[in-house]
Amino acid sequence: MGVLSEYSDEGLLLAVALANAGSACRRGDVAQPGLPINGVVVRTEGAEELALAAAQVREILAAPTPGRAAELINRLLVAQQARPELAPDQDGRWRLHLHPRGASAAALDLVKAATGLAVLVDEGRWGTIRACGAERCDDLFLDQSRNLIRRYCSRVCANRVNAALHRRRAASEP
């Protein structure tokens, strides 16, 4: 397990959750601070902070190239005063933190999300963040399928699309 695993693994899930907090199909539903979004709890303290964090992460994920994403990630890390620091946890173990001490919950979320996205760019996997293929959904997801062919953010969207296709086929049959 790498030193950055907490930031890369959890950070990627957090980045997608933050981005989806601002998705059109979700507005007014789950996009509230402290509630899980796709199973990830976003710790921002208020709706305004959540909306701002969602917009910042969504801008990064909309970047057309890994280079542009890297520029936006770097800008976000500087704005959040991210810097590596070793500090002991409650059990006395030394832990790597990339956020400043006393940072707000929103800053913690943004640094973790940005770091996860940075690792994705570093590993050459920028294209694995995808938009859902369902017509009425603009959620994003991390495609971790073996052949990188996943098309939908969830089974709900996949089932909705397949049911609509089935209804169309059934209606066109004599």
Protein backbone atom coordinates (compact mmCIF):
# COMPACT_ATOMS: atom_id res chain seq x y z
CA MET A 1 0.00 0.00 0.00
CA GLY A 2 1.51 3.30 -1.11
CA VAL A 3 1.87 6.43 0.96
CA LEU A 4 -0.61 8.26 -1.24
CA SER A 5 -3.20 5.46 -1.30
CA GLU A 6 -5.59 7.29 1.03
CA TYR A 7 -5.35 10.34 -1.18
CA SER A 8 -5.45 8.53 -4.50
CA ASP A 9 -8.09 5.88 -3.84
CA GLU A 10 -10.38 7.83 -1.54
CA GLY A 11 -9.53 11.04 -3.37
CA LEU A 12 -10.78 9.70 -6.70
CA LEU A 13 -14.05 8.55 -5.16
CA LEU A 14 -14.37 11.89 -3.40
CA ALA A 15 -13.65 13.82 -6.62
CA VAL A 16 -16.40 11.93 -8.46
CA ALA A 17 -18.79 12.44 -5.53
CA LEU A 18 -18.05 16.16 -5.44
CA ALA A 19 -18.53 16.46 -9.18
CA ASN A 20 -21.81 14.58 -8.96
CA ALA A 21 -23.01 16.86 -6.17
CA GLY A 22 -23.36 19.46 -8.91
CA SER A 23 -24.89 17.22 -11.56
CA ALA A 24 -28.21 18.24 -13.06
CA CYS A 25 -29.92 14.91 -12.42
CA ARG A 26 -29.05 15.10 -8.73
CA ARG A 27 -29.72 18.76 -7.84
CA GLY A 28 -31.94 19.17 -4.84
CA ASP A 29 -31.77 15.45 -4.12
CA VAL A 30 -28.57 14.22 -2.46
CA ALA A 31 -26.32 17.25 -2.93
CA GLN A 32 -26.31 18.28 0.71
CA PRO A 33 -23.30 18.56 3.00
CA GLY A 34 -22.67 15.55 5.22
CA LEU A 35 -24.85 13.16 3.19
CA PRO A 36 -23.36 10.39 1.06
CA ILE A 37 -23.10 10.92 -2.68
CA ASN A 38 -22.55 7.59 -4.46
CA GLY A 39 -21.58 6.15 -1.08
CA VAL A 40 -18.96 8.81 -0.27
CA VAL A 41 -19.57 11.32 2.51
CA VAL A 42 -18.53 14.82 1.53
CA ARG A 43 -17.49 16.74 4.65
CA THR A 44 -18.03 20.31 3.47
CA GLU A 45 -19.79 22.38 6.09
CA GLY A 46 -22.42 24.21 4.04
CA ALA A 47 -24.38 24.11 0.81
CA GLU A 48 -22.45 27.07 -0.61
CA GLU A 49 -19.08 25.39 0.09
CA LEU A 50 -20.37 22.16 -1.44
CA ALA A 51 -21.54 23.94 -4.60
CA LEU A 52 -18.19 25.72 -4.95
CA ALA A 53 -16.19 22.50 -4.40
CA ALA A 54 -18.42 20.66 -6.90
CA ALA A 55 -17.89 23.37 -9.52
CA GLN A 56 -14.11 23.33 -9.02
CA VAL A 57 -13.84 19.55 -9.36
CA ARG A 58 -16.25 19.46 -12.30
CA GLU A 59 -14.10 22.06 -14.08
CA ILE A 60 -11.04 19.83 -13.63
CA LEU A 61 -12.92 16.76 -14.86
CA ALA A 62 -14.13 18.67 -17.92
CA ALA A 63 -10.53 19.38 -18.94
CA PRO A 64 -9.98 18.20 -22.52
CA THR A 65 -6.44 16.98 -21.88
CA PRO A 66 -4.43 15.65 -18.96
CA GLY A 67 -2.17 18.71 -19.32
CA ARG A 68 -5.06 21.11 -18.82
CA ALA A 69 -6.32 18.99 -15.92
CA ALA A 70 -2.84 19.17 -14.36
CA GLU A 71 -2.87 22.99 -14.60
CA LEU A 72 -6.26 23.17 -12.88
CA ILE A 73 -5.25 20.61 -10.23
CA ASN A 74 -2.07 22.55 -9.46
CA ARG A 75 -4.02 25.80 -9.19
CA LEU A 76 -6.49 24.17 -6.78
CA LEU A 77 -3.71 22.68 -4.62
CA VAL A 78 -2.01 26.08 -4.36
CA ALA A 79 -5.30 27.81 -3.51
CA GLN A 80 -5.93 25.29 -0.71
CA GLN A 81 -2.35 25.72 0.59
CA ALA A 82 -1.65 22.00 0.17
CA ARG A 83 1.76 20.90 1.34
CA PRO A 84 3.11 17.59 2.57
CA GLU A 85 3.56 17.25 6.30
CA LEU A 86 4.10 14.30 8.61
CA ALA A 87 2.07 14.42 11.81
CA PRO A 88 1.26 11.80 14.46
CA ASP A 89 -2.29 10.45 14.66
CA GLN A 90 -4.14 9.56 17.89
CA ASP A 91 -2.20 6.29 18.14
CA GLY A 92 1.17 7.99 17.72
CA ARG A 93 1.71 6.67 14.18
CA TRP A 94 3.17 9.13 11.73
CA ARG A 95 0.82 9.96 8.87
CA LEU A 96 1.35 11.97 5.71
CA HIS A 97 -1.06 14.89 5.36
CA LEU A 98 -1.20 17.04 2.27
CA HIS A 99 -3.46 19.70 3.72
CA PRO A 100 -2.49 22.37 6.22
CA ARG A 101 -3.25 21.88 9.89
CA GLY A 102 -6.57 23.36 10.89
CA ALA A 103 -7.89 23.37 7.32
CA SER A 104 -11.64 23.53 6.85
CA ALA A 105 -13.58 20.42 5.92
CA ALA A 106 -14.02 21.80 2.41
CA ALA A 107 -10.25 22.32 2.06
CA LEU A 108 -9.60 18.77 3.27
CA ASP A 109 -12.06 17.40 0.70
CA LEU A 110 -10.64 19.52 -2.12
CA VAL A 111 -7.02 18.60 -1.38
CA LYS A 112 -7.85 14.91 -1.17
CA ALA A 113 -9.91 15.05 -4.39
CA ALA A 114 -7.24 17.04 -6.25
CA THR A 115 -4.51 14.65 -5.11
CA GLY A 116 -6.52 11.65 -6.26
CA LEU A 117 -7.01 13.29 -9.65
CA ALA A 118 -3.30 14.16 -9.80
CA VAL A 119 -2.40 10.50 -9.28
CA LEU A 120 -4.84 9.58 -12.08
CA VAL A 121 -3.04 12.01 -14.44
CA ASP A 122 0.36 10.73 -13.25
CA GLU A 123 -0.62 7.12 -13.95
CA GLY A 124 -1.88 7.97 -17.45
CA ARG A 125 -5.46 6.99 -16.57
CA TRP A 126 -7.15 10.36 -17.13
CA GLY A 127 -9.65 8.83 -19.57
CA THR A 128 -11.10 6.50 -16.94
CA ILE A 129 -13.34 9.24 -15.55
CA ARG A 130 -16.43 9.11 -17.74
CA ALA A 131 -19.84 10.68 -18.08
CA CYS A 132 -22.86 8.40 -17.75
CA GLY A 133 -24.29 7.29 -21.09
CA ALA A 134 -27.90 7.49 -19.91
CA GLU A 135 -29.89 10.20 -21.62
CA ARG A 136 -31.18 11.93 -18.49
CA CYS A 137 -28.03 11.58 -16.37
CA ASP A 138 -24.94 13.75 -16.32
CA ASP A 139 -23.22 11.98 -13.41
CA LEU A 140 -19.58 11.01 -13.71
CA PHE A 141 -17.97 7.73 -12.68
CA LEU A 142 -14.57 6.10 -12.48
CA ASP A 143 -14.45 3.23 -14.96
CA GLN A 144 -12.58 0.43 -13.24
CA SER A 145 -13.88 -2.33 -15.49
CA ARG A 146 -11.34 -4.75 -16.91
CA ASN A 147 -11.71 -3.57 -20.52
CA LEU A 148 -12.67 0.03 -19.69
CA ILE A 149 -16.05 -0.34 -21.41
CA ARG A 150 -18.44 0.70 -18.66
CA ARG A 151 -21.08 3.12 -20.00
CA TYR A 152 -23.33 3.97 -17.07
CA CYS A 153 -22.74 5.45 -13.62
CA SER A 154 -24.96 2.88 -11.90
CA ARG A 155 -27.18 -0.13 -12.40
CA VAL A 156 -30.16 2.20 -12.09
CA CYS A 157 -29.12 4.11 -15.22
CA ALA A 158 -28.20 0.92 -17.09
CA ASN A 159 -31.56 -0.64 -16.22
CA ARG A 160 -33.42 2.53 -17.22
CA VAL A 161 -31.71 2.56 -20.65
CA ASN A 162 -32.25 -1.17 -21.20
CA ALA A 163 -35.93 -0.94 -20.21
CA ALA A 164 -36.46 1.96 -22.63
CA LEU A 165 -34.79 -0.03 -25.43
CA HIS A 166 -36.98 -3.03 -24.64
CA ARG A 167 -40.14 -0.88 -24.72
CA ARG A 168 -39.12 0.62 -28.10
CA ARG A 169 -38.47 -2.83 -29.57
CA ALA A 170 -41.74 -4.19 -28.21
CA ALA A 171 -43.68 -1.20 -29.60
CA SER A 172 -42.18 -1.59 -33.07
CA GLU A 173 -42.98 -5.31 -33.35
CA PRO A 174 -46.24 -6.17 -35.18
